[in-house]
């Protein structure tokens, strides 16, 4: 009888001790409200520091509601979303499943919203008619006469192949932060045989180097007296991508 009593007593004590050391439900399981400061933002994962408690990590999604409790902050963030969350902000939220449905920002550090990056200016492009004076540095540098002035250009790739001193050309030039870079060189004057003329559409088709090419003509009057079968020399400029315009025609009967 005494042995049975002792057995039951030990069993009860064991249950009591087990109960004392069974971990309680976590803040996540209880849906506890967390108040703290964001210390890190890694993609869509926030690390939040709490006073007197361990840090927590939670995830947000593009659909997570972000609310700024201060009216002044709401003016700074008129359309708040998860991309506005950054280290230093004081936040509170219910730590339920680890992925937040809503987060309230109650403190924004001085400086307001992060500045939007300034986009780099797009390089400007121009076309320049020039006469080549010299080709240097293995074709990577070109000196040319442009409207009576000597200008020096850096040349991209091997655009100078097939050209020589004295050639009249059209340079496609990009201004890259003050650096003039030639991205394309076209002969200013070409020759070929007229295959067809369309004065209404201001277009002409010319066989050039064994291939028919159709061009727009800047001035319809340039097509006066031009007939199919004529051999002509002409000057052409590229006005936009895929659009080449004839600016002068010299007939060679």
C-alpha atoms as a PDB file:
ATOM      1  CA  UNK A   1       0.000   0.000   0.000  1.00  0.00           C
ATOM      2  CA  UNK A   2       2.802   2.377   0.904  1.00  0.00           C
ATOM      3  CA  UNK A   3       4.648   1.436  -2.278  1.00  0.00           C
ATOM      4  CA  UNK A   4       1.596   2.260  -4.416  1.00  0.00           C
ATOM      5  CA  UNK A   5       1.231   5.623  -2.681  1.00  0.00           C
ATOM      6  CA  UNK A   6       4.854   6.466  -3.311  1.00  0.00           C
ATOM      7  CA  UNK A   7       4.492   5.479  -6.991  1.00  0.00           C
ATOM      8  CA  UNK A   8       1.488   7.745  -7.459  1.00  0.00           C
ATOM      9  CA  UNK A   9       3.241  10.577  -5.630  1.00  0.00           C
ATOM     10  CA  UNK A  10       6.277  10.352  -7.883  1.00  0.00           C
ATOM     11  CA  UNK A  11       4.032  10.230 -10.963  1.00  0.00           C
ATOM     12  CA  UNK A  12       2.161  13.352  -9.860  1.00  0.00           C
ATOM     13  CA  UNK A  13       5.406  15.155  -9.152  1.00  0.00           C
ATOM     14  CA  UNK A  14       6.687  14.210 -12.591  1.00  0.00           C
ATOM     15  CA  UNK A  15       3.596  15.709 -14.246  1.00  0.00           C
ATOM     16  CA  UNK A  16       3.968  18.845 -12.149  1.00  0.00           C
ATOM     17  CA  UNK A  17       7.628  19.276 -13.110  1.00  0.00           C
ATOM     18  CA  UNK A  18       6.831  18.605 -16.767  1.00  0.00           C
ATOM     19  CA  UNK A  19       4.149  21.260 -16.617  1.00  0.00           C
ATOM     20  CA  UNK A  20       6.574  23.753 -15.154  1.00  0.00           C
ATOM     21  CA  UNK A  21       9.093  23.224 -17.945  1.00  0.00           C
ATOM     22  CA  UNK A  22       6.714  22.931 -20.921  1.00  0.00           C
ATOM     23  CA  UNK A  23       7.388  26.038 -23.097  1.00  0.00           C
ATOM     24  CA  UNK A  24       4.463  28.386 -23.267  1.00  0.00           C
ATOM     25  CA  UNK A  25       2.937  29.372 -26.610  1.00  0.00           C
ATOM     26  CA  UNK A  26       5.200  31.782 -28.472  1.00  0.00           C
ATOM     27  CA  UNK A  27       4.295  35.346 -29.262  1.00  0.00           C
ATOM     28  CA  UNK A  28       3.703  34.187 -32.812  1.00  0.00           C
ATOM     29  CA  UNK A  29       1.195  31.528 -31.720  1.00  0.00           C
ATOM     30  CA  UNK A  30      -0.561  33.903 -29.286  1.00  0.00           C
ATOM     31  CA  UNK A  31      -0.886  36.688 -31.874  1.00  0.00           C
ATOM     32  CA  UNK A  32       0.914  39.106 -29.553  1.00  0.00           C
ATOM     33  CA  UNK A  33       1.257  42.767 -30.496  1.00  0.00           C
ATOM     34  CA  UNK A  34       4.879  43.668 -31.138  1.00  0.00           C
ATOM     35  CA  UNK A  35       6.203  47.196 -30.716  1.00  0.00           C
ATOM     36  CA  UNK A  36       9.743  47.926 -31.823  1.00  0.00           C
ATOM     37  CA  UNK A  37      12.126  49.508 -34.277  1.00  0.00           C
ATOM     38  CA  UNK A  38      13.085  48.186 -37.699  1.00  0.00           C
ATOM     39  CA  UNK A  39      16.820  47.463 -37.714  1.00  0.00           C
ATOM     40  CA  UNK A  40      17.119  45.752 -41.093  1.00  0.00           C
ATOM     41  CA  UNK A  41      15.132  45.312 -44.278  1.00  0.00           C
ATOM     42  CA  UNK A  42      16.188  42.354 -46.394  1.00  0.00           C
ATOM     43  CA  UNK A  43      13.987  42.170 -49.448  1.00  0.00           C
ATOM     44  CA  UNK A  44      10.572  41.477 -47.847  1.00  0.00           C
ATOM     45  CA  UNK A  45      11.889  40.394 -44.445  1.00  0.00           C
ATOM     46  CA  UNK A  46      11.984  42.892 -41.562  1.00  0.00           C
ATOM     47  CA  UNK A  47      14.101  42.544 -38.429  1.00  0.00           C
ATOM     48  CA  UNK A  48      12.482  44.389 -35.515  1.00  0.00           C
ATOM     49  CA  UNK A  49      14.223  45.176 -32.219  1.00  0.00           C
ATOM     50  CA  UNK A  50      12.078  45.182 -29.069  1.00  0.00           C
ATOM     51  CA  UNK A  51      12.821  46.740 -25.692  1.00  0.00           C
ATOM     52  CA  UNK A  52      13.575  44.035 -23.113  1.00  0.00           C
ATOM     53  CA  UNK A  53      12.825  41.190 -25.517  1.00  0.00           C
ATOM     54  CA  UNK A  54      14.484  39.331 -28.339  1.00  0.00           C
ATOM     55  CA  UNK A  55      14.430  40.604 -31.900  1.00  0.00           C
ATOM     56  CA  UNK A  56      11.773  39.242 -34.224  1.00  0.00           C
ATOM     57  CA  UNK A  57      11.757  38.714 -37.961  1.00  0.00           C
ATOM     58  CA  UNK A  58       8.599  39.014 -39.998  1.00  0.00           C
ATOM     59  CA  UNK A  59       7.763  38.998 -43.656  1.00  0.00           C
ATOM     60  CA  UNK A  60       5.680  41.477 -45.582  1.00  0.00           C
ATOM     61  CA  UNK A  61       4.134  41.122 -49.009  1.00  0.00           C
ATOM     62  CA  UNK A  62       3.112  43.668 -51.641  1.00  0.00           C
ATOM     63  CA  UNK A  63      -0.433  43.342 -50.281  1.00  0.00           C
ATOM     64  CA  UNK A  64       0.569  44.132 -46.678  1.00  0.00           C
ATOM     65  CA  UNK A  65      -1.237  47.294 -45.526  1.00  0.00           C
ATOM     66  CA  UNK A  66       1.202  49.988 -44.369  1.00  0.00           C
ATOM     67  CA  UNK A  67      -0.289  52.757 -42.230  1.00  0.00           C
ATOM     68  CA  UNK A  68       1.474  55.873 -40.878  1.00  0.00           C
ATOM     69  CA  UNK A  69      -0.189  56.987 -37.666  1.00  0.00           C
ATOM     70  CA  UNK A  70       1.204  60.529 -37.699  1.00  0.00           C
ATOM     71  CA  UNK A  71      -0.620  62.942 -40.006  1.00  0.00           C
ATOM     72  CA  UNK A  72       2.658  64.643 -40.950  1.00  0.00           C
ATOM     73  CA  UNK A  73       4.173  61.331 -41.969  1.00  0.00           C
ATOM     74  CA  UNK A  74       1.080  60.550 -44.037  1.00  0.00           C
ATOM     75  CA  UNK A  75       1.819  63.670 -46.073  1.00  0.00           C
ATOM     76  CA  UNK A  76       5.370  62.452 -46.642  1.00  0.00           C
ATOM     77  CA  UNK A  77       4.097  59.021 -47.643  1.00  0.00           C
ATOM     78  CA  UNK A  78       0.817  59.694 -49.510  1.00  0.00           C
ATOM     79  CA  UNK A  79       0.605  56.195 -50.992  1.00  0.00           C
ATOM     80  CA  UNK A  80       2.377  54.004 -48.437  1.00  0.00           C
ATOM     81  CA  UNK A  81       3.497  50.502 -49.278  1.00  0.00           C
ATOM     82  CA  UNK A  82       6.103  47.988 -48.119  1.00  0.00           C
ATOM     83  CA  UNK A  83       8.780  49.710 -50.207  1.00  0.00           C
ATOM     84  CA  UNK A  84       8.563  52.683 -47.805  1.00  0.00           C
ATOM     85  CA  UNK A  85       9.647  50.609 -44.792  1.00  0.00           C
ATOM     86  CA  UNK A  86      13.242  51.244 -43.771  1.00  0.00           C
ATOM     87  CA  UNK A  87      15.576  50.884 -40.774  1.00  0.00           C
ATOM     88  CA  UNK A  88      14.956  53.339 -37.941  1.00  0.00           C
ATOM     89  CA  UNK A  89      11.177  53.383 -38.253  1.00  0.00           C
ATOM     90  CA  UNK A  90       9.172  52.609 -35.127  1.00  0.00           C
ATOM     91  CA  UNK A  91       6.466  50.059 -35.871  1.00  0.00           C
ATOM     92  CA  UNK A  92       3.820  47.923 -34.247  1.00  0.00           C
ATOM     93  CA  UNK A  93       1.950  44.933 -35.555  1.00  0.00           C
ATOM     94  CA  UNK A  94       0.284  41.721 -34.482  1.00  0.00           C
ATOM     95  CA  UNK A  95       2.756  38.876 -34.734  1.00  0.00           C
ATOM     96  CA  UNK A  96       0.381  36.188 -35.891  1.00  0.00           C
ATOM     97  CA  UNK A  97       1.600  33.917 -38.676  1.00  0.00           C
ATOM     98  CA  UNK A  98       4.944  35.615 -39.327  1.00  0.00           C
ATOM     99  CA  UNK A  99       3.638  37.255 -42.533  1.00  0.00           C
ATOM    100  CA  UNK A 100       1.991  40.566 -41.778  1.00  0.00           C
ATOM    101  CA  UNK A 101      -1.390  41.676 -43.048  1.00  0.00           C
ATOM    102  CA  UNK A 102      -0.951  45.166 -41.555  1.00  0.00           C
ATOM    103  CA  UNK A 103       1.873  47.186 -40.047  1.00  0.00           C
ATOM    104  CA  UNK A 104       1.574  50.586 -38.367  1.00  0.00           C
ATOM    105  CA  UNK A 105       4.474  53.037 -38.508  1.00  0.00           C
ATOM    106  CA  UNK A 106       4.344  55.316 -35.467  1.00  0.00           C
ATOM    107  CA  UNK A 107       7.784  56.900 -35.787  1.00  0.00           C
ATOM    108  CA  UNK A 108       9.806  58.065 -38.802  1.00  0.00           C
ATOM    109  CA  UNK A 109      13.432  59.128 -38.272  1.00  0.00           C
ATOM    110  CA  UNK A 110      14.410  62.608 -39.387  1.00  0.00           C
ATOM    111  CA  UNK A 111      14.987  62.996 -43.087  1.00  0.00           C
ATOM    112  CA  UNK A 112      11.552  61.958 -44.278  1.00  0.00           C
ATOM    113  CA  UNK A 113      11.087  59.427 -47.039  1.00  0.00           C
ATOM    114  CA  UNK A 114      14.163  58.025 -48.779  1.00  0.00           C
ATOM    115  CA  UNK A 115      15.113  60.055 -51.808  1.00  0.00           C
ATOM    116  CA  UNK A 116      14.251  58.515 -55.128  1.00  0.00           C
ATOM    117  CA  UNK A 117      17.338  57.723 -57.197  1.00  0.00           C
ATOM    118  CA  UNK A 118      17.953  60.233 -59.933  1.00  0.00           C
ATOM    119  CA  UNK A 119      17.894  58.461 -63.288  1.00  0.00           C
ATOM    120  CA  UNK A 120      21.015  58.781 -65.333  1.00  0.00           C
ATOM    121  CA  UNK A 121      20.510  61.071 -68.309  1.00  0.00           C
ATOM    122  CA  UNK A 122      20.089  59.245 -71.573  1.00  0.00           C
ATOM    123  CA  UNK A 123      22.891  59.880 -74.031  1.00  0.00           C
ATOM    124  CA  UNK A 124      21.955  62.348 -76.751  1.00  0.00           C
ATOM    125  CA  UNK A 125      22.538  61.361 -80.365  1.00  0.00           C
ATOM    126  CA  UNK A 126      23.244  63.568 -83.335  1.00  0.00           C
ATOM    127  CA  UNK A 127      24.282  63.073 -86.929  1.00  0.00           C
ATOM    128  CA  UNK A 128      27.159  65.081 -88.278  1.00  0.00           C
ATOM    129  CA  UNK A 129      28.321  65.396 -91.851  1.00  0.00           C
ATOM    130  CA  UNK A 130      32.111  65.540 -91.861  1.00  0.00           C
ATOM    131  CA  UNK A 131      35.225  64.947 -93.946  1.00  0.00           C
ATOM    132  CA  UNK A 132      37.715  62.555 -92.402  1.00  0.00           C
ATOM    133  CA  UNK A 133      41.133  64.109 -91.729  1.00  0.00           C
ATOM    134  CA  UNK A 134      42.813  61.187 -89.988  1.00  0.00           C
ATOM    135  CA  UNK A 135      42.111  57.835 -88.334  1.00  0.00           C
ATOM    136  CA  UNK A 136      44.304  57.123 -85.316  1.00  0.00           C
ATOM    137  CA  UNK A 137      44.902  54.645 -82.489  1.00  0.00           C
ATOM    138  CA  UNK A 138      44.099  51.636 -84.609  1.00  0.00           C
ATOM    139  CA  UNK A 139      40.758  53.050 -85.707  1.00  0.00           C
ATOM    140  CA  UNK A 140      39.625  54.034 -82.208  1.00  0.00           C
ATOM    141  CA  UNK A 141      40.012  57.779 -82.770  1.00  0.00           C
ATOM    142  CA  UNK A 142      38.858  59.932 -85.672  1.00  0.00           C
ATOM    143  CA  UNK A 143      39.699  63.533 -86.555  1.00  0.00           C
ATOM    144  CA  UNK A 144      37.323  65.200 -88.976  1.00  0.00           C
ATOM    145  CA  UNK A 145      36.497  68.554 -90.509  1.00  0.00           C
ATOM    146  CA  UNK A 146      33.017  69.566 -89.365  1.00  0.00           C
ATOM    147  CA  UNK A 147      31.804  72.808 -90.939  1.00  0.00           C
ATOM    148  CA  UNK A 148      35.359  74.120 -91.169  1.00  0.00           C
ATOM    149  CA  UNK A 149      36.419  73.099 -87.660  1.00  0.00           C
ATOM    150  CA  UNK A 150      38.565  70.112 -86.667  1.00  0.00           C
ATOM    151  CA  UNK A 151      36.901  67.839 -84.136  1.00  0.00           C
ATOM    152  CA  UNK A 152      38.184  64.669 -82.506  1.00  0.00           C
ATOM    153  CA  UNK A 153      35.907  61.725 -81.735  1.00  0.00           C
ATOM    154  CA  UNK A 154      36.308  58.424 -79.962  1.00  0.00           C
ATOM    155  CA  UNK A 155      35.118  55.596 -82.212  1.00  0.00           C
ATOM    156  CA  UNK A 156      33.195  52.570 -80.968  1.00  0.00           C
ATOM    157  CA  UNK A 157      34.005  49.101 -82.296  1.00  0.00           C
ATOM    158  CA  UNK A 158      35.492  48.983 -85.816  1.00  0.00           C
ATOM    159  CA  UNK A 159      33.331  51.576 -87.492  1.00  0.00           C
ATOM    160  CA  UNK A 160      36.288  53.121 -89.342  1.00  0.00           C
ATOM    161  CA  UNK A 161      36.933  50.028 -91.457  1.00  0.00           C
ATOM    162  CA  UNK A 162      36.597  50.809 -95.171  1.00  0.00           C
ATOM    163  CA  UNK A 163      37.046  54.568 -94.700  1.00  0.00           C
ATOM    164  CA  UNK A 164      40.088  56.729 -95.341  1.00  0.00           C
ATOM    165  CA  UNK A 165      41.361  60.282 -95.106  1.00  0.00           C
ATOM    166  CA  UNK A 166      39.357  62.621 -97.355  1.00  0.00           C
ATOM    167  CA  UNK A 167      36.100  60.596 -97.304  1.00  0.00           C
ATOM    168  CA  UNK A 168      32.914  62.603 -96.843  1.00  0.00           C
ATOM    169  CA  UNK A 169      30.842  60.746 -94.257  1.00  0.00           C
ATOM    170  CA  UNK A 170      27.865  60.995 -91.915  1.00  0.00           C
ATOM    171  CA  UNK A 171      28.822  60.307 -88.294  1.00  0.00           C
ATOM    172  CA  UNK A 172      26.270  59.097 -85.767  1.00  0.00           C
ATOM    173  CA  UNK A 173      27.599  60.552 -82.497  1.00  0.00           C
ATOM    174  CA  UNK A 174      26.502  59.959 -78.904  1.00  0.00           C
ATOM    175  CA  UNK A 175      27.306  62.486 -76.188  1.00  0.00           C
ATOM    176  CA  UNK A 176      28.233  60.357 -73.165  1.00  0.00           C
ATOM    177  CA  UNK A 177      28.951  62.682 -70.298  1.00  0.00           C
ATOM    178  CA  UNK A 178      30.834  65.116 -72.508  1.00  0.00           C
ATOM    179  CA  UNK A 179      32.638  62.349 -74.413  1.00  0.00           C
ATOM    180  CA  UNK A 180      31.819  62.368 -78.137  1.00  0.00           C
ATOM    181  CA  UNK A 181      31.547  58.735 -79.266  1.00  0.00           C
ATOM    182  CA  UNK A 182      31.008  57.717 -82.901  1.00  0.00           C
ATOM    183  CA  UNK A 183      28.698  54.696 -82.968  1.00  0.00           C
ATOM    184  CA  UNK A 184      28.223  54.534 -86.737  1.00  0.00           C
ATOM    185  CA  UNK A 185      29.831  55.885 -89.905  1.00  0.00           C
ATOM    186  CA  UNK A 186      28.004  56.033 -93.236  1.00  0.00           C
ATOM    187  CA  UNK A 187      29.310  57.299 -96.544  1.00  0.00           C
ATOM    188  CA  UNK A 188      27.781  60.682 -97.266  1.00  0.00           C
ATOM    189  CA  UNK A 189      27.704  59.887-100.975  1.00  0.00           C
ATOM    190  CA  UNK A 190      26.655  56.593-102.507  1.00  0.00           C
ATOM    191  CA  UNK A 191      26.131  55.483-106.082  1.00  0.00           C
ATOM    192  CA  UNK A 192      23.698  53.135-107.710  1.00  0.00           C
ATOM    193  CA  UNK A 193      21.137  52.463-110.422  1.00  0.00           C
ATOM    194  CA  UNK A 194      17.553  53.741-110.072  1.00  0.00           C
ATOM    195  CA  UNK A 195      15.039  50.891-110.032  1.00  0.00           C
ATOM    196  CA  UNK A 196      11.826  52.838-109.359  1.00  0.00           C
ATOM    197  CA  UNK A 197      10.621  56.334-108.473  1.00  0.00           C
ATOM    198  CA  UNK A 198       7.479  57.201-106.490  1.00  0.00           C
ATOM    199  CA  UNK A 199       7.057  60.990-106.496  1.00  0.00           C
ATOM    200  CA  UNK A 200       3.755  60.824-104.581  1.00  0.00           C
ATOM    201  CA  UNK A 201       5.360  59.064-101.637  1.00  0.00           C
ATOM    202  CA  UNK A 202       8.690  60.860-102.088  1.00  0.00           C
ATOM    203  CA  UNK A 203      10.567  57.578-102.274  1.00  0.00           C
ATOM    204  CA  UNK A 204      13.093  56.040-104.597  1.00  0.00           C
ATOM    205  CA  UNK A 205      14.496  52.517-104.899  1.00  0.00           C
ATOM    206  CA  UNK A 206      18.139  52.256-105.899  1.00  0.00           C
ATOM    207  CA  UNK A 207      20.346  49.236-106.523  1.00  0.00           C
ATOM    208  CA  UNK A 208      23.406  49.785-104.307  1.00  0.00           C
ATOM    209  CA  UNK A 209      26.193  47.199-104.270  1.00  0.00           C
ATOM    210  CA  UNK A 210      23.924  44.588-105.829  1.00  0.00           C
ATOM    211  CA  UNK A 211      21.005  45.120-103.440  1.00  0.00           C
ATOM    212  CA  UNK A 212      17.851  47.207-103.851  1.00  0.00           C
ATOM    213  CA  UNK A 213      17.468  49.880-101.165  1.00  0.00           C
ATOM    214  CA  UNK A 214      14.431  52.159-100.759  1.00  0.00           C
ATOM    215  CA  UNK A 215      14.973  55.702 -99.445  1.00  0.00           C
ATOM    216  CA  UNK A 216      12.804  58.654 -98.566  1.00  0.00           C
ATOM    217  CA  UNK A 217      13.677  61.892-100.368  1.00  0.00           C
ATOM    218  CA  UNK A 218      13.866  65.106 -98.367  1.00  0.00           C
ATOM    219  CA  UNK A 219      12.656  67.305-101.234  1.00  0.00           C
ATOM    220  CA  UNK A 220      10.263  65.993-103.875  1.00  0.00           C
ATOM    221  CA  UNK A 221      11.969  68.266-106.410  1.00  0.00           C
ATOM    222  CA  UNK A 222      15.077  66.081-106.157  1.00  0.00           C
ATOM    223  CA  UNK A 223      13.159  63.455-108.125  1.00  0.00           C
ATOM    224  CA  UNK A 224      12.599  65.739-111.110  1.00  0.00           C
ATOM    225  CA  UNK A 225      14.105  64.203-114.256  1.00  0.00           C
ATOM    226  CA  UNK A 226      15.225  61.058-112.370  1.00  0.00           C
ATOM    227  CA  UNK A 227      14.219  57.997-114.360  1.00  0.00           C
ATOM    228  CA  UNK A 228      14.381  54.250-113.940  1.00  0.00           C
ATOM    229  CA  UNK A 229      17.749  53.011-115.165  1.00  0.00           C
ATOM    230  CA  UNK A 230      19.634  56.245-114.340  1.00  0.00           C
ATOM    231  CA  UNK A 231      22.985  55.823-112.613  1.00  0.00           C
ATOM    232  CA  UNK A 232      23.196  58.415-109.872  1.00  0.00           C
ATOM    233  CA  UNK A 233      25.336  59.517-106.958  1.00  0.00           C
ATOM    234  CA  UNK A 234      23.451  60.639-103.876  1.00  0.00           C
ATOM    235  CA  UNK A 235      23.962  61.786-100.310  1.00  0.00           C
ATOM    236  CA  UNK A 236      22.000  60.123 -97.523  1.00  0.00           C
ATOM    237  CA  UNK A 237      21.435  60.757 -93.823  1.00  0.00           C
ATOM    238  CA  UNK A 238      19.811  58.546 -91.193  1.00  0.00           C
ATOM    239  CA  UNK A 239      17.089  60.622 -89.547  1.00  0.00           C
ATOM    240  CA  UNK A 240      15.760  57.911 -87.242  1.00  0.00           C
ATOM    241  CA  UNK A 241      16.296  54.214 -86.684  1.00  0.00           C
ATOM    242  CA  UNK A 242      15.538  52.454 -89.951  1.00  0.00           C
ATOM    243  CA  UNK A 243      14.784  55.717 -91.816  1.00  0.00           C
ATOM    244  CA  UNK A 244      17.396  56.879 -94.331  1.00  0.00           C
ATOM    245  CA  UNK A 245      16.768  60.117 -96.199  1.00  0.00           C
ATOM    246  CA  UNK A 246      18.381  61.271 -99.451  1.00  0.00           C
ATOM    247  CA  UNK A 247      19.408  64.921 -99.192  1.00  0.00           C
ATOM    248  CA  UNK A 248      21.109  65.358-102.586  1.00  0.00           C
ATOM    249  CA  UNK A 249      21.189  63.594-105.971  1.00  0.00           C
ATOM    250  CA  UNK A 250      23.805  63.952-108.695  1.00  0.00           C
ATOM    251  CA  UNK A 251      22.742  62.380-111.989  1.00  0.00           C
ATOM    252  CA  UNK A 252      25.226  60.418-114.085  1.00  0.00           C
ATOM    253  CA  UNK A 253      23.616  59.487-117.408  1.00  0.00           C
END
